[in-house]
PDB file of all heavy atoms in Angstrom:
ATOM      1  N   VAL A   1      24.664-146.130 151.511  1.00  0.00           N
ATOM      2  CA  VAL A   1      24.459-147.239 150.556  1.00  0.00           C
ATOM      3  C   VAL A   1      23.085-146.924 149.857  1.00  0.00           C
ATOM      4  O   VAL A   1      22.111-146.743 150.477  1.00  0.00           O
ATOM      5  CB  VAL A   1      24.538-148.498 151.198  1.00  0.00           C
ATOM      6  CG1 VAL A   1      24.171-149.657 150.295  1.00  0.00           C
ATOM      7  CG2 VAL A   1      25.793-148.801 151.878  1.00  0.00           C
ATOM      8  N   LYS A   2      23.123-147.067 148.455  1.00  0.00           N
ATOM      9  CA  LYS A   2      21.918-146.826 147.747  1.00  0.00           C
ATOM     10  C   LYS A   2      20.837-147.963 148.134  1.00  0.00           C
ATOM     11  O   LYS A   2      21.105-149.122 147.930  1.00  0.00           O
ATOM     12  CB  LYS A   2      22.210-146.916 146.316  1.00  0.00           C
ATOM     13  CG  LYS A   2      20.942-146.639 145.421  1.00  0.00           C
ATOM     14  CD  LYS A   2      21.403-146.637 143.964  1.00  0.00           C
ATOM     15  CE  LYS A   2      20.129-146.330 143.153  1.00  0.00           C
ATOM     16  NZ  LYS A   2      20.409-146.504 141.640  1.00  0.00           N
ATOM     17  N   PRO A   3      19.718-147.571 148.561  1.00  0.00           N
ATOM     18  CA  PRO A   3      18.652-148.537 148.957  1.00  0.00           C
ATOM     19  C   PRO A   3      17.977-149.125 147.719  1.00  0.00           C
ATOM     20  O   PRO A   3      17.888-148.407 146.771  1.00  0.00           O
ATOM     21  CB  PRO A   3      17.654-147.715 149.828  1.00  0.00           C
ATOM     22  CG  PRO A   3      17.843-146.320 149.308  1.00  0.00           C
ATOM     23  CD  PRO A   3      19.181-146.183 148.787  1.00  0.00           C
ATOM     24  N   ALA A   4      17.422-150.308 147.957  1.00  0.00           N
ATOM     25  CA  ALA A   4      16.624-150.938 147.001  1.00  0.00           C
ATOM     26  C   ALA A   4      15.173-150.606 147.270  1.00  0.00           C
ATOM     27  O   ALA A   4      14.794-150.495 148.369  1.00  0.00           O
ATOM     28  CB  ALA A   4      16.817-152.418 146.908  1.00  0.00           C
ATOM     29  N   PRO A   5      14.241-150.561 146.216  1.00  0.00           N
ATOM     30  CA  PRO A   5      12.808-150.197 146.528  1.00  0.00           C
ATOM     31  C   PRO A   5      12.172-151.310 147.242  1.00  0.00           C
ATOM     32  O   PRO A   5      12.546-152.510 147.058  1.00  0.00           O
ATOM     33  CB  PRO A   5      12.128-150.219 145.074  1.00  0.00           C
ATOM     34  CG  PRO A   5      13.125-150.909 144.142  1.00  0.00           C
ATOM     35  CD  PRO A   5      14.503-150.662 144.760  1.00  0.00           C
ATOM     36  N   LEU A   6      11.184-151.004 148.078  1.00  0.00           N
ATOM     37  CA  LEU A   6      10.483-151.900 149.007  1.00  0.00           C
ATOM     38  C   LEU A   6       9.886-152.950 148.192  1.00  0.00           C
ATOM     39  O   LEU A   6       9.862-154.110 148.561  1.00  0.00           O
ATOM     40  CB  LEU A   6       9.599-151.279 149.793  1.00  0.00           C
ATOM     41  CG  LEU A   6       8.669-152.021 150.861  1.00  0.00           C
ATOM     42  CD1 LEU A   6       9.667-152.803 151.757  1.00  0.00           C
ATOM     43  CD2 LEU A   6       7.756-151.208 151.579  1.00  0.00           C
ATOM     44  N   ARG A   7       9.279-152.615 147.065  1.00  0.00           N
ATOM     45  CA  ARG A   7       8.566-153.575 146.190  1.00  0.00           C
ATOM     46  C   ARG A   7       9.482-154.773 145.784  1.00  0.00           C
ATOM     47  O   ARG A   7       9.121-155.820 145.523  1.00  0.00           O
ATOM     48  CB  ARG A   7       7.961-152.987 144.921  1.00  0.00           C
ATOM     49  CG  ARG A   7       8.848-152.362 143.967  1.00  0.00           C
ATOM     50  CD  ARG A   7       8.110-151.780 142.754  1.00  0.00           C
ATOM     51  NE  ARG A   7       8.997-151.256 141.808  1.00  0.00           N
ATOM     52  CZ  ARG A   7       9.579-149.972 141.790  1.00  0.00           C
ATOM     53  NH1 ARG A   7       9.296-149.233 142.810  1.00  0.00           N
ATOM     54  NH2 ARG A   7      10.328-149.587 140.896  1.00  0.00           N
ATOM     55  N   LEU A   8      10.821-154.516 145.605  1.00  0.00           N
ATOM     56  CA  LEU A   8      11.807-155.515 145.100  1.00  0.00           C
ATOM     57  C   LEU A   8      12.002-156.446 146.432  1.00  0.00           C
ATOM     58  O   LEU A   8      12.097-157.765 146.119  1.00  0.00           O
ATOM     59  CB  LEU A   8      13.043-154.924 144.784  1.00  0.00           C
ATOM     60  CG  LEU A   8      14.239-155.917 144.322  1.00  0.00           C
ATOM     61  CD1 LEU A   8      13.707-156.620 143.111  1.00  0.00           C
ATOM     62  CD2 LEU A   8      15.536-155.078 143.972  1.00  0.00           C
ATOM     63  N   TYR A   9      11.969-155.959 147.581  1.00  0.00           N
ATOM     64  CA  TYR A   9      12.169-156.883 148.748  1.00  0.00           C
ATOM     65  C   TYR A   9      10.920-157.673 148.978  1.00  0.00           C
ATOM     66  O   TYR A   9      11.155-158.855 149.136  1.00  0.00           O
ATOM     67  CB  TYR A   9      12.371-155.993 149.937  1.00  0.00           C
ATOM     68  CG  TYR A   9      13.831-155.452 150.195  1.00  0.00           C
ATOM     69  CD1 TYR A   9      14.107-154.056 149.966  1.00  0.00           C
ATOM     70  CD2 TYR A   9      14.730-156.287 150.737  1.00  0.00           C
ATOM     71  CE1 TYR A   9      15.386-153.653 150.208  1.00  0.00           C
ATOM     72  CE2 TYR A   9      16.044-155.862 150.877  1.00  0.00           C
ATOM     73  CZ  TYR A   9      16.382-154.447 150.712  1.00  0.00           C
ATOM     74  OH  TYR A   9      17.576-153.972 150.908  1.00  0.00           O
ATOM     75  N   ILE A  10       9.818-157.113 148.726  1.00  0.00           N
ATOM     76  CA  ILE A  10       8.575-157.846 148.957  1.00  0.00           C
ATOM     77  C   ILE A  10       8.443-158.895 147.859  1.00  0.00           C
ATOM     78  O   ILE A  10       8.061-160.017 148.128  1.00  0.00           O
ATOM     79  CB  ILE A  10       7.291-156.860 148.804  1.00  0.00           C
ATOM     80  CG1 ILE A  10       7.380-155.904 149.989  1.00  0.00           C
ATOM     81  CG2 ILE A  10       6.051-157.692 148.897  1.00  0.00           C
ATOM     82  CD1 ILE A  10       6.245-154.867 150.216  1.00  0.00           C
ATOM     83  N   THR A  11       8.664-158.457 146.484  1.00  0.00           N
ATOM     84  CA  THR A  11       8.611-159.469 145.480  1.00  0.00           C
ATOM     85  C   THR A  11       9.586-160.597 145.722  1.00  0.00           C
ATOM     86  O   THR A  11       9.288-161.883 145.540  1.00  0.00           O
ATOM     87  CB  THR A  11       8.885-158.756 143.985  1.00  0.00           C
ATOM     88  OG1 THR A  11       7.976-157.747 143.873  1.00  0.00           O
ATOM     89  CG2 THR A  11       8.789-159.796 143.000  1.00  0.00           C
ATOM     90  N   GLY A  12      10.755-160.318 146.003  1.00  0.00           N
ATOM     91  CA  GLY A  12      11.859-161.370 146.237  1.00  0.00           C
ATOM     92  C   GLY A  12      11.554-162.099 147.395  1.00  0.00           C
ATOM     93  O   GLY A  12      11.577-163.437 147.400  1.00  0.00           O
ATOM     94  N   GLY A  13      11.066-161.505 148.581  1.00  0.00           N
ATOM     95  CA  GLY A  13      10.716-162.198 149.825  1.00  0.00           C
ATOM     96  C   GLY A  13       9.596-163.104 149.616  1.00  0.00           C
ATOM     97  O   GLY A  13       9.555-164.214 150.116  1.00  0.00           O
ATOM     98  N   ALA A  14       8.569-162.699 148.781  1.00  0.00           N
ATOM     99  CA  ALA A  14       7.392-163.554 148.451  1.00  0.00           C
ATOM    100  C   ALA A  14       7.709-164.780 147.679  1.00  0.00           C
ATOM    101  O   ALA A  14       7.364-165.915 147.928  1.00  0.00           O
ATOM    102  CB  ALA A  14       6.329-162.762 147.808  1.00  0.00           C
ATOM    103  N   CYS A  15       8.572-164.485 146.680  1.00  0.00           N
ATOM    104  CA  CYS A  15       9.009-165.720 145.809  1.00  0.00           C
ATOM    105  C   CYS A  15       9.751-166.766 146.635  1.00  0.00           C
ATOM    106  O   CYS A  15       9.566-167.966 146.566  1.00  0.00           O
ATOM    107  CB  CYS A  15       9.727-165.210 144.633  1.00  0.00           C
ATOM    108  SG  CYS A  15      10.214-166.374 143.455  1.00  0.00           S
ATOM    109  N   CYS A  16      10.835-166.279 147.293  1.00  0.00           N
ATOM    110  CA  CYS A  16      11.658-167.112 148.116  1.00  0.00           C
ATOM    111  C   CYS A  16      10.867-167.750 149.239  1.00  0.00           C
ATOM    112  O   CYS A  16      11.002-168.915 149.502  1.00  0.00           O
ATOM    113  CB  CYS A  16      12.794-166.347 148.669  1.00  0.00           C
ATOM    114  SG  CYS A  16      13.927-165.595 147.460  1.00  0.00           S
ATOM    115  N   GLY A  17       9.952-166.917 149.860  1.00  0.00           N
ATOM    116  CA  GLY A  17       9.205-167.410 150.979  1.00  0.00           C
ATOM    117  C   GLY A  17       8.148-168.596 150.609  1.00  0.00           C
ATOM    118  O   GLY A  17       7.881-169.458 151.288  1.00  0.00           O
ATOM    119  N   LEU A  18       7.674-168.347 149.402  1.00  0.00           N
ATOM    120  CA  LEU A  18       6.590-169.421 148.855  1.00  0.00           C
ATOM    121  C   LEU A  18       7.461-170.783 148.778  1.00  0.00           C
ATOM    122  O   LEU A  18       6.976-171.800 149.144  1.00  0.00           O
ATOM    123  CB  LEU A  18       5.958-169.014 147.598  1.00  0.00           C
ATOM    124  CG  LEU A  18       5.070-169.967 146.930  1.00  0.00           C
ATOM    125  CD1 LEU A  18       3.962-170.283 147.771  1.00  0.00           C
ATOM    126  CD2 LEU A  18       4.813-169.390 145.484  1.00  0.00           C
ATOM    127  N   PHE A  19       8.510-170.737 148.133  1.00  0.00           N
ATOM    128  CA  PHE A  19       9.290-171.956 147.863  1.00  0.00           C
ATOM    129  C   PHE A  19       9.789-172.540 149.300  1.00  0.00           C
ATOM    130  O   PHE A  19       9.704-173.769 149.442  1.00  0.00           O
ATOM    131  CB  PHE A  19      10.523-171.751 146.998  1.00  0.00           C
ATOM    132  CG  PHE A  19      10.131-171.558 145.553  1.00  0.00           C
ATOM    133  CD1 PHE A  19      10.711-170.506 144.777  1.00  0.00           C
ATOM    134  CD2 PHE A  19       9.288-172.376 144.890  1.00  0.00           C
ATOM    135  CE1 PHE A  19      10.257-170.295 143.437  1.00  0.00           C
ATOM    136  CE2 PHE A  19       8.917-172.236 143.548  1.00  0.00           C
ATOM    137  CZ  PHE A  19       9.452-171.219 142.816  1.00  0.00           C
ATOM    138  N   LEU A  20      10.269-171.639 150.071  1.00  0.00           N
ATOM    139  CA  LEU A  20      10.675-172.110 151.486  1.00  0.00           C
ATOM    140  C   LEU A  20       9.604-172.764 152.213  1.00  0.00           C
ATOM    141  O   LEU A  20       9.758-173.664 152.950  1.00  0.00           O
ATOM    142  CB  LEU A  20      11.321-170.961 152.273  1.00  0.00           C
ATOM    143  CG  LEU A  20      11.853-171.217 153.571  1.00  0.00           C
ATOM    144  CD1 LEU A  20      12.918-172.263 153.536  1.00  0.00           C
ATOM    145  CD2 LEU A  20      12.353-169.989 154.220  1.00  0.00           C
ATOM    146  N   GLY A  21       8.491-172.159 152.103  1.00  0.00           N
ATOM    147  CA  GLY A  21       7.250-172.642 152.910  1.00  0.00           C
ATOM    148  C   GLY A  21       6.845-174.114 152.478  1.00  0.00           C
ATOM    149  O   GLY A  21       6.666-174.875 153.172  1.00  0.00           O
ATOM    150  N   ILE A  22       6.795-174.152 151.028  1.00  0.00           N
ATOM    151  CA  ILE A  22       6.435-175.525 150.449  1.00  0.00           C
ATOM    152  C   ILE A  22       7.533-176.554 150.778  1.00  0.00           C
ATOM    153  O   ILE A  22       7.178-177.650 151.171  1.00  0.00           O
ATOM    154  CB  ILE A  22       6.228-175.393 148.908  1.00  0.00           C
ATOM    155  CG1 ILE A  22       5.001-174.413 148.702  1.00  0.00           C
ATOM    156  CG2 ILE A  22       5.971-176.635 148.415  1.00  0.00           C
ATOM    157  CD1 ILE A  22       4.826-174.165 147.231  1.00  0.00           C
ATOM    158  N   ALA A  23       8.760-176.120 150.625  1.00  0.00           N
ATOM    159  CA  ALA A  23       9.851-177.078 150.925  1.00  0.00           C
ATOM    160  C   ALA A  23       9.789-177.504 152.322  1.00  0.00           C
ATOM    161  O   ALA A  23       9.950-178.780 152.617  1.00  0.00           O
ATOM    162  CB  ALA A  23      11.105-176.414 150.556  1.00  0.00           C
ATOM    163  N   SER A  24       9.437-176.503 153.263  1.00  0.00           N
ATOM    164  CA  SER A  24       9.558-176.813 154.679  1.00  0.00           C
ATOM    165  C   SER A  24       8.318-177.790 155.116  1.00  0.00           C
ATOM    166  O   SER A  24       8.616-178.677 155.916  1.00  0.00           O
ATOM    167  CB  SER A  24       9.532-175.597 155.447  1.00  0.00           C
ATOM    168  OG  SER A  24      10.588-174.765 155.353  1.00  0.00           O
TER     169      SER A  24
END
């Protein structure tokens, strides 16, 4: 399976995590 670049995971995780942290 073609992997995605690590920076995409970090960017996405940071964006989602920021909202999740504030919501929580």
